[in-house]
Amino acid sequence: MSDSYSEAAAAGPEHGGSVSHVVPMKVLIAVWAALLVLTILTVAAIKVDLGSLNLWIAMAIATLKASLVVLYFMHMRYDRPFNAIVFVTALLFVMLFVSIAMLDSKAYEPELVPGYAPGMPK
């Protein structure tokens, strides 16, 4: 390794170097376990019929899972707090927009002509 590389790395990110962050294994395992629990919760939510609330529950769980992946596995948690806030806010808006679009298409479902669209019951 050259001395200039070592000096740049030791100088920190503000001087062109990079500082790596090592996440403790306990944290990674806890996030992984939370993702497994949320996946099981998603599958269990399918079994319960709550009407249009099912969509909001599924989207909230998906957003929480995406937030965990971004914050811990992509190390946004250890970056500047502003970056993590912007990213999680963007995920919340995506959840909101997709949910509204899905609710809108569900509202027009009774008006569909039976057998007109592929996969529709005749």
N, C-alpha and C. Protein backbone atom coordinates (compact mmCIF):
# COMPACT_ATOMS: atom_id res chain seq x y z
N MET A 1 0.84 -1.18 0.00
CA MET A 1 0.00 0.00 0.00
C MET A 1 0.88 1.24 0.00
N SER A 2 0.43 2.22 -0.71
CA SER A 2 1.21 3.45 -0.73
C SER A 2 0.90 4.30 0.49
N ASP A 3 1.83 5.17 0.81
CA ASP A 3 1.64 6.04 1.97
C ASP A 3 0.53 7.05 1.75
N SER A 4 0.34 7.48 0.49
CA SER A 4 -0.71 8.47 0.23
C SER A 4 -2.09 7.90 0.48
N TYR A 5 -2.27 6.60 0.18
CA TYR A 5 -3.56 5.96 0.44
C TYR A 5 -3.82 5.90 1.94
N SER A 6 -2.84 5.52 2.71
CA SER A 6 -3.00 5.41 4.16
C SER A 6 -3.29 6.76 4.78
N GLU A 7 -2.60 7.80 4.29
CA GLU A 7 -2.84 9.14 4.81
C GLU A 7 -4.23 9.64 4.48
N ALA A 8 -4.72 9.35 3.24
CA ALA A 8 -6.07 9.79 2.85
C ALA A 8 -7.12 9.05 3.67
N ALA A 9 -6.91 7.77 3.91
CA ALA A 9 -7.88 7.01 4.69
C ALA A 9 -7.90 7.47 6.14
N ALA A 10 -6.74 7.82 6.67
CA ALA A 10 -6.67 8.29 8.05
C ALA A 10 -7.24 9.70 8.20
N ALA A 11 -7.23 10.46 7.10
CA ALA A 11 -7.70 11.84 7.17
C ALA A 11 -9.20 11.93 7.34
N GLY A 12 -9.94 10.90 6.93
CA GLY A 12 -11.39 10.92 7.07
C GLY A 12 -12.07 11.35 5.79
N PRO A 13 -13.41 11.28 5.75
CA PRO A 13 -14.15 11.55 4.53
C PRO A 13 -14.06 13.01 4.07
N GLU A 14 -13.85 13.93 5.00
CA GLU A 14 -13.81 15.33 4.61
C GLU A 14 -12.56 15.67 3.81
N HIS A 15 -11.55 14.78 3.85
CA HIS A 15 -10.31 15.02 3.12
C HIS A 15 -10.12 14.00 2.00
N GLY A 16 -11.18 13.43 1.51
CA GLY A 16 -11.09 12.50 0.40
C GLY A 16 -10.88 11.05 0.80
N GLY A 17 -10.71 10.77 2.06
CA GLY A 17 -10.53 9.40 2.51
C GLY A 17 -11.88 8.78 2.82
N SER A 18 -11.89 7.50 3.11
CA SER A 18 -13.14 6.85 3.47
C SER A 18 -12.98 6.20 4.84
N VAL A 19 -14.04 6.26 5.58
CA VAL A 19 -14.05 5.65 6.90
C VAL A 19 -15.09 4.55 6.86
N SER A 20 -14.67 3.33 7.09
CA SER A 20 -15.63 2.22 7.05
C SER A 20 -16.26 2.06 8.42
N HIS A 21 -17.44 1.50 8.42
CA HIS A 21 -18.15 1.28 9.67
C HIS A 21 -18.46 -0.20 9.79
N VAL A 22 -18.12 -0.79 10.89
CA VAL A 22 -18.37 -2.20 11.13
C VAL A 22 -19.57 -2.30 12.06
N VAL A 23 -20.60 -2.97 11.59
CA VAL A 23 -21.82 -3.14 12.38
C VAL A 23 -21.64 -4.40 13.23
N PRO A 24 -21.94 -4.32 14.52
CA PRO A 24 -21.82 -5.52 15.37
C PRO A 24 -22.75 -6.64 14.90
N MET A 25 -22.29 -7.86 15.04
CA MET A 25 -23.07 -9.01 14.60
C MET A 25 -24.40 -9.10 15.33
N LYS A 26 -24.46 -8.67 16.60
CA LYS A 26 -25.72 -8.69 17.35
C LYS A 26 -26.77 -7.81 16.67
N VAL A 27 -26.35 -6.68 16.17
CA VAL A 27 -27.29 -5.76 15.51
C VAL A 27 -27.80 -6.38 14.21
N LEU A 28 -26.91 -6.95 13.43
CA LEU A 28 -27.31 -7.57 12.16
C LEU A 28 -28.27 -8.74 12.39
N ILE A 29 -27.99 -9.54 13.39
CA ILE A 29 -28.87 -10.68 13.70
C ILE A 29 -30.23 -10.19 14.20
N ALA A 30 -30.24 -9.13 15.00
CA ALA A 30 -31.51 -8.57 15.49
C ALA A 30 -32.35 -8.01 14.34
N VAL A 31 -31.70 -7.33 13.41
CA VAL A 31 -32.44 -6.81 12.25
C VAL A 31 -32.94 -7.95 11.39
N TRP A 32 -32.13 -8.96 11.20
CA TRP A 32 -32.54 -10.13 10.42
C TRP A 32 -33.74 -10.82 11.08
N ALA A 33 -33.71 -10.96 12.41
CA ALA A 33 -34.82 -11.57 13.13
C ALA A 33 -36.08 -10.71 13.00
N ALA A 34 -35.92 -9.40 13.07
CA ALA A 34 -37.07 -8.50 12.90
C ALA A 34 -37.66 -8.64 11.50
N LEU A 35 -36.81 -8.78 10.49
CA LEU A 35 -37.30 -8.97 9.13
C LEU A 35 -38.05 -10.30 8.99
N LEU A 36 -37.56 -11.34 9.66
CA LEU A 36 -38.26 -12.62 9.63
C LEU A 36 -39.63 -12.52 10.31
N VAL A 37 -39.67 -11.86 11.45
CA VAL A 37 -40.93 -11.69 12.17
C VAL A 37 -41.91 -10.88 11.33
N LEU A 38 -41.43 -9.83 10.69
CA LEU A 38 -42.31 -9.01 9.85
C LEU A 38 -42.80 -9.78 8.63
N THR A 39 -41.97 -10.66 8.09
CA THR A 39 -42.40 -11.50 6.97
C THR A 39 -43.49 -12.47 7.42
N ILE A 40 -43.31 -13.07 8.59
CA ILE A 40 -44.34 -13.96 9.13
C ILE A 40 -45.63 -13.18 9.39
N LEU A 41 -45.49 -11.98 9.90
CA LEU A 41 -46.65 -11.12 10.15
C LEU A 41 -47.37 -10.76 8.84
N THR A 42 -46.62 -10.54 7.78
CA THR A 42 -47.22 -10.26 6.48
C THR A 42 -48.03 -11.45 6.00
N VAL A 43 -47.47 -12.64 6.12
CA VAL A 43 -48.19 -13.86 5.70
C VAL A 43 -49.42 -14.07 6.57
N ALA A 44 -49.30 -13.81 7.87
CA ALA A 44 -50.45 -13.97 8.77
C ALA A 44 -51.53 -12.94 8.47
N ALA A 45 -51.15 -11.76 8.02
CA ALA A 45 -52.13 -10.71 7.73
C ALA A 45 -52.99 -11.07 6.53
N ILE A 46 -52.47 -11.92 5.66
CA ILE A 46 -53.25 -12.36 4.49
C ILE A 46 -54.45 -13.19 4.93
N LYS A 47 -54.29 -13.95 5.99
CA LYS A 47 -55.34 -14.86 6.47
C LYS A 47 -56.52 -14.12 7.10
N VAL A 48 -56.30 -12.90 7.57
CA VAL A 48 -57.34 -12.13 8.25
C VAL A 48 -57.95 -11.15 7.25
N ASP A 49 -59.27 -11.16 7.13
CA ASP A 49 -59.93 -10.25 6.20
C ASP A 49 -60.36 -8.98 6.94
N LEU A 50 -59.65 -7.90 6.68
CA LEU A 50 -59.98 -6.62 7.29
C LEU A 50 -60.45 -5.61 6.24
N GLY A 51 -60.84 -6.10 5.08
CA GLY A 51 -61.30 -5.22 4.01
C GLY A 51 -60.16 -4.42 3.43
N SER A 52 -60.38 -3.13 3.22
CA SER A 52 -59.34 -2.29 2.62
C SER A 52 -58.20 -2.01 3.59
N LEU A 53 -58.38 -2.33 4.86
CA LEU A 53 -57.31 -2.14 5.84
C LEU A 53 -56.15 -3.11 5.60
N ASN A 54 -56.43 -4.25 4.97
CA ASN A 54 -55.37 -5.21 4.65
C ASN A 54 -54.28 -4.57 3.80
N LEU A 55 -54.68 -3.75 2.84
CA LEU A 55 -53.72 -3.09 1.97
C LEU A 55 -52.81 -2.17 2.77
N TRP A 56 -53.39 -1.38 3.66
CA TRP A 56 -52.59 -0.44 4.45
C TRP A 56 -51.65 -1.18 5.39
N ILE A 57 -52.10 -2.29 5.96
CA ILE A 57 -51.24 -3.07 6.85
C ILE A 57 -50.08 -3.67 6.07
N ALA A 58 -50.37 -4.24 4.90
CA ALA A 58 -49.30 -4.84 4.09
C ALA A 58 -48.29 -3.78 3.64
N MET A 59 -48.77 -2.61 3.25
CA MET A 59 -47.86 -1.56 2.80
C MET A 59 -47.04 -1.01 3.98
N ALA A 60 -47.64 -0.92 5.16
CA ALA A 60 -46.90 -0.44 6.33
C ALA A 60 -45.79 -1.44 6.71
N ILE A 61 -46.11 -2.72 6.66
CA ILE A 61 -45.10 -3.74 6.98
C ILE A 61 -43.99 -3.71 5.93
N ALA A 62 -44.34 -3.59 4.66
CA ALA A 62 -43.33 -3.53 3.60
C ALA A 62 -42.44 -2.31 3.74
N THR A 63 -43.02 -1.19 4.11
CA THR A 63 -42.23 0.03 4.31
C THR A 63 -41.29 -0.12 5.50
N LEU A 64 -41.77 -0.72 6.56
CA LEU A 64 -40.92 -0.94 7.74
C LEU A 64 -39.76 -1.87 7.39
N LYS A 65 -40.04 -2.92 6.64
CA LYS A 65 -38.98 -3.84 6.24
C LYS A 65 -37.96 -3.15 5.34
N ALA A 66 -38.43 -2.37 4.39
CA ALA A 66 -37.51 -1.64 3.51
C ALA A 66 -36.67 -0.65 4.31
N SER A 67 -37.28 -0.01 5.29
CA SER A 67 -36.55 0.95 6.14
C SER A 67 -35.45 0.24 6.93
N LEU A 68 -35.76 -0.93 7.47
CA LEU A 68 -34.74 -1.68 8.21
C LEU A 68 -33.57 -2.07 7.32
N VAL A 69 -33.87 -2.53 6.11
CA VAL A 69 -32.81 -2.91 5.19
C VAL A 69 -31.94 -1.70 4.85
N VAL A 70 -32.58 -0.59 4.54
CA VAL A 70 -31.82 0.61 4.16
C VAL A 70 -31.01 1.13 5.34
N LEU A 71 -31.60 1.20 6.51
CA LEU A 71 -30.92 1.79 7.66
C LEU A 71 -29.76 0.93 8.16
N TYR A 72 -29.93 -0.39 8.20
CA TYR A 72 -28.90 -1.22 8.82
C TYR A 72 -28.02 -1.96 7.81
N PHE A 73 -28.61 -2.59 6.80
CA PHE A 73 -27.79 -3.34 5.86
C PHE A 73 -27.10 -2.44 4.85
N MET A 74 -27.68 -1.27 4.57
CA MET A 74 -27.04 -0.32 3.67
C MET A 74 -26.34 0.80 4.45
N HIS A 75 -26.29 0.68 5.77
CA HIS A 75 -25.54 1.55 6.67
C HIS A 75 -26.00 3.00 6.68
N MET A 76 -27.24 3.28 6.32
CA MET A 76 -27.75 4.66 6.39
C MET A 76 -27.89 5.11 7.84
N ARG A 77 -28.06 4.18 8.72
CA ARG A 77 -28.19 4.49 10.15
C ARG A 77 -26.94 5.18 10.68
N TYR A 78 -25.80 4.83 10.10
CA TYR A 78 -24.53 5.35 10.59
C TYR A 78 -24.00 6.48 9.71
N ASP A 79 -24.78 6.90 8.74
CA ASP A 79 -24.43 8.03 7.89
C ASP A 79 -24.98 9.30 8.55
N ARG A 80 -24.96 10.38 7.85
CA ARG A 80 -25.55 11.62 8.39
C ARG A 80 -27.04 11.40 8.61
N PRO A 81 -27.59 11.84 9.73
CA PRO A 81 -29.01 11.61 10.02
C PRO A 81 -29.93 12.19 8.96
N PHE A 82 -29.55 13.28 8.35
CA PHE A 82 -30.39 13.89 7.33
C PHE A 82 -30.62 12.93 6.16
N ASN A 83 -29.58 12.19 5.75
CA ASN A 83 -29.72 11.25 4.64
C ASN A 83 -30.71 10.14 4.97
N ALA A 84 -30.64 9.61 6.17
CA ALA A 84 -31.56 8.55 6.58
C ALA A 84 -32.99 9.08 6.66
N ILE A 85 -33.17 10.29 7.17
CA ILE A 85 -34.51 10.87 7.26
C ILE A 85 -35.10 11.07 5.87
N VAL A 86 -34.31 11.58 4.94
CA VAL A 86 -34.78 11.79 3.57
C VAL A 86 -35.15 10.46 2.93
N PHE A 87 -34.34 9.45 3.12
CA PHE A 87 -34.60 8.15 2.49
C PHE A 87 -35.85 7.49 3.06
N VAL A 88 -35.99 7.50 4.37
CA VAL A 88 -37.17 6.89 5.00
C VAL A 88 -38.44 7.67 4.63
N THR A 89 -38.34 8.99 4.56
CA THR A 89 -39.48 9.80 4.14
C THR A 89 -39.88 9.47 2.70
N ALA A 90 -38.89 9.27 1.85
CA ALA A 90 -39.18 8.89 0.46
C ALA A 90 -39.89 7.53 0.42
N LEU A 91 -39.45 6.59 1.26
CA LEU A 91 -40.13 5.29 1.31
C LEU A 91 -41.58 5.44 1.78
N LEU A 92 -41.82 6.31 2.74
CA LEU A 92 -43.18 6.53 3.22
C LEU A 92 -44.06 7.12 2.11
N PHE A 93 -43.52 8.04 1.35
CA PHE A 93 -44.30 8.61 0.25
C PHE A 93 -44.57 7.58 -0.84
N VAL A 94 -43.61 6.72 -1.12
CA VAL A 94 -43.84 5.65 -2.10
C VAL A 94 -44.96 4.74 -1.60
N MET A 95 -44.93 4.38 -0.30
CA MET A 95 -45.99 3.56 0.26
C MET A 95 -47.34 4.25 0.10
N LEU A 96 -47.39 5.54 0.39
CA LEU A 96 -48.63 6.29 0.29
C LEU A 96 -49.15 6.32 -1.15
N PHE A 97 -48.29 6.64 -2.10
CA PHE A 97 -48.72 6.75 -3.49
C PHE A 97 -49.16 5.40 -4.07
N VAL A 98 -48.43 4.34 -3.76
CA VAL A 98 -48.81 3.01 -4.26
C VAL A 98 -50.13 2.59 -3.63
N SER A 99 -50.30 2.84 -2.34
CA SER A 99 -51.55 2.47 -1.66
C SER A 99 -52.74 3.22 -2.24
N ILE A 100 -52.59 4.50 -2.49
CA ILE A 100 -53.69 5.28 -3.08
C ILE A 100 -54.02 4.78 -4.47
N ALA A 101 -53.00 4.46 -5.26
CA ALA A 101 -53.25 3.93 -6.60
C ALA A 101 -53.97 2.59 -6.54
N MET A 102 -53.58 1.74 -5.59
CA MET A 102 -54.24 0.44 -5.46
C MET A 102 -55.67 0.59 -4.95
N LEU A 103 -55.90 1.52 -4.05
CA LEU A 103 -57.26 1.75 -3.57
C LEU A 103 -58.14 2.30 -4.69
N ASP A 104 -57.57 3.15 -5.53
CA ASP A 104 -58.33 3.71 -6.64
C ASP A 104 -58.74 2.62 -7.62
N SER A 105 -57.84 1.70 -7.92
CA SER A 105 -58.19 0.62 -8.85
C SER A 105 -59.20 -0.33 -8.21
N LYS A 106 -59.15 -0.50 -6.90
CA LYS A 106 -60.11 -1.36 -6.21
C LYS A 106 -61.50 -0.71 -6.21
N ALA A 107 -61.55 0.62 -6.20
CA ALA A 107 -62.84 1.31 -6.20
C ALA A 107 -63.60 1.09 -7.49
N TYR A 108 -62.89 0.91 -8.61
CA TYR A 108 -63.55 0.72 -9.90
C TYR A 108 -63.77 -0.75 -10.23
N GLU A 109 -63.39 -1.65 -9.35
CA GLU A 109 -63.53 -3.08 -9.61
C GLU A 109 -64.97 -3.51 -9.87
N PRO A 110 -65.98 -3.01 -9.14
CA PRO A 110 -67.35 -3.46 -9.42
C PRO A 110 -67.85 -3.04 -10.81
N GLU A 111 -67.24 -2.05 -11.42
CA GLU A 111 -67.68 -1.58 -12.73
C GLU A 111 -67.09 -2.37 -13.89
N LEU A 112 -66.16 -3.29 -13.59
CA LEU A 112 -65.53 -4.07 -14.65
C LEU A 112 -66.56 -5.01 -15.28
N VAL A 113 -66.45 -5.19 -16.58
CA VAL A 113 -67.34 -6.09 -17.30
C VAL A 113 -66.82 -7.51 -17.11
N PRO A 114 -67.66 -8.43 -16.62
CA PRO A 114 -67.20 -9.80 -16.39
C PRO A 114 -66.71 -10.44 -17.69
N GLY A 115 -65.54 -11.07 -17.64
CA GLY A 115 -65.01 -11.76 -18.80
C GLY A 115 -64.32 -10.84 -19.79
N TYR A 116 -64.32 -9.54 -19.56
CA TYR A 116 -63.73 -8.61 -20.51
C TYR A 116 -62.20 -8.58 -20.39
N ALA A 117 -61.69 -8.57 -19.19
CA ALA A 117 -60.25 -8.54 -18.99
C ALA A 117 -59.72 -9.96 -18.81
N PRO A 118 -58.50 -10.22 -19.25
CA PRO A 118 -57.92 -11.55 -19.04
C PRO A 118 -57.84 -11.88 -17.55
N GLY A 119 -58.19 -13.07 -17.21
CA GLY A 119 -58.12 -13.51 -15.84
C GLY A 119 -59.35 -13.17 -15.02
N MET A 120 -60.32 -12.48 -15.61
CA MET A 120 -61.55 -12.13 -14.89
C MET A 120 -62.52 -13.30 -14.97
N PRO A 121 -63.27 -13.56 -13.90
CA PRO A 121 -64.26 -14.65 -13.94
C PRO A 121 -65.37 -14.32 -14.95
N LYS A 122 -65.85 -15.35 -15.59
CA LYS A 122 -66.90 -15.15 -16.61
C LYS A 122 -68.27 -15.29 -16.02
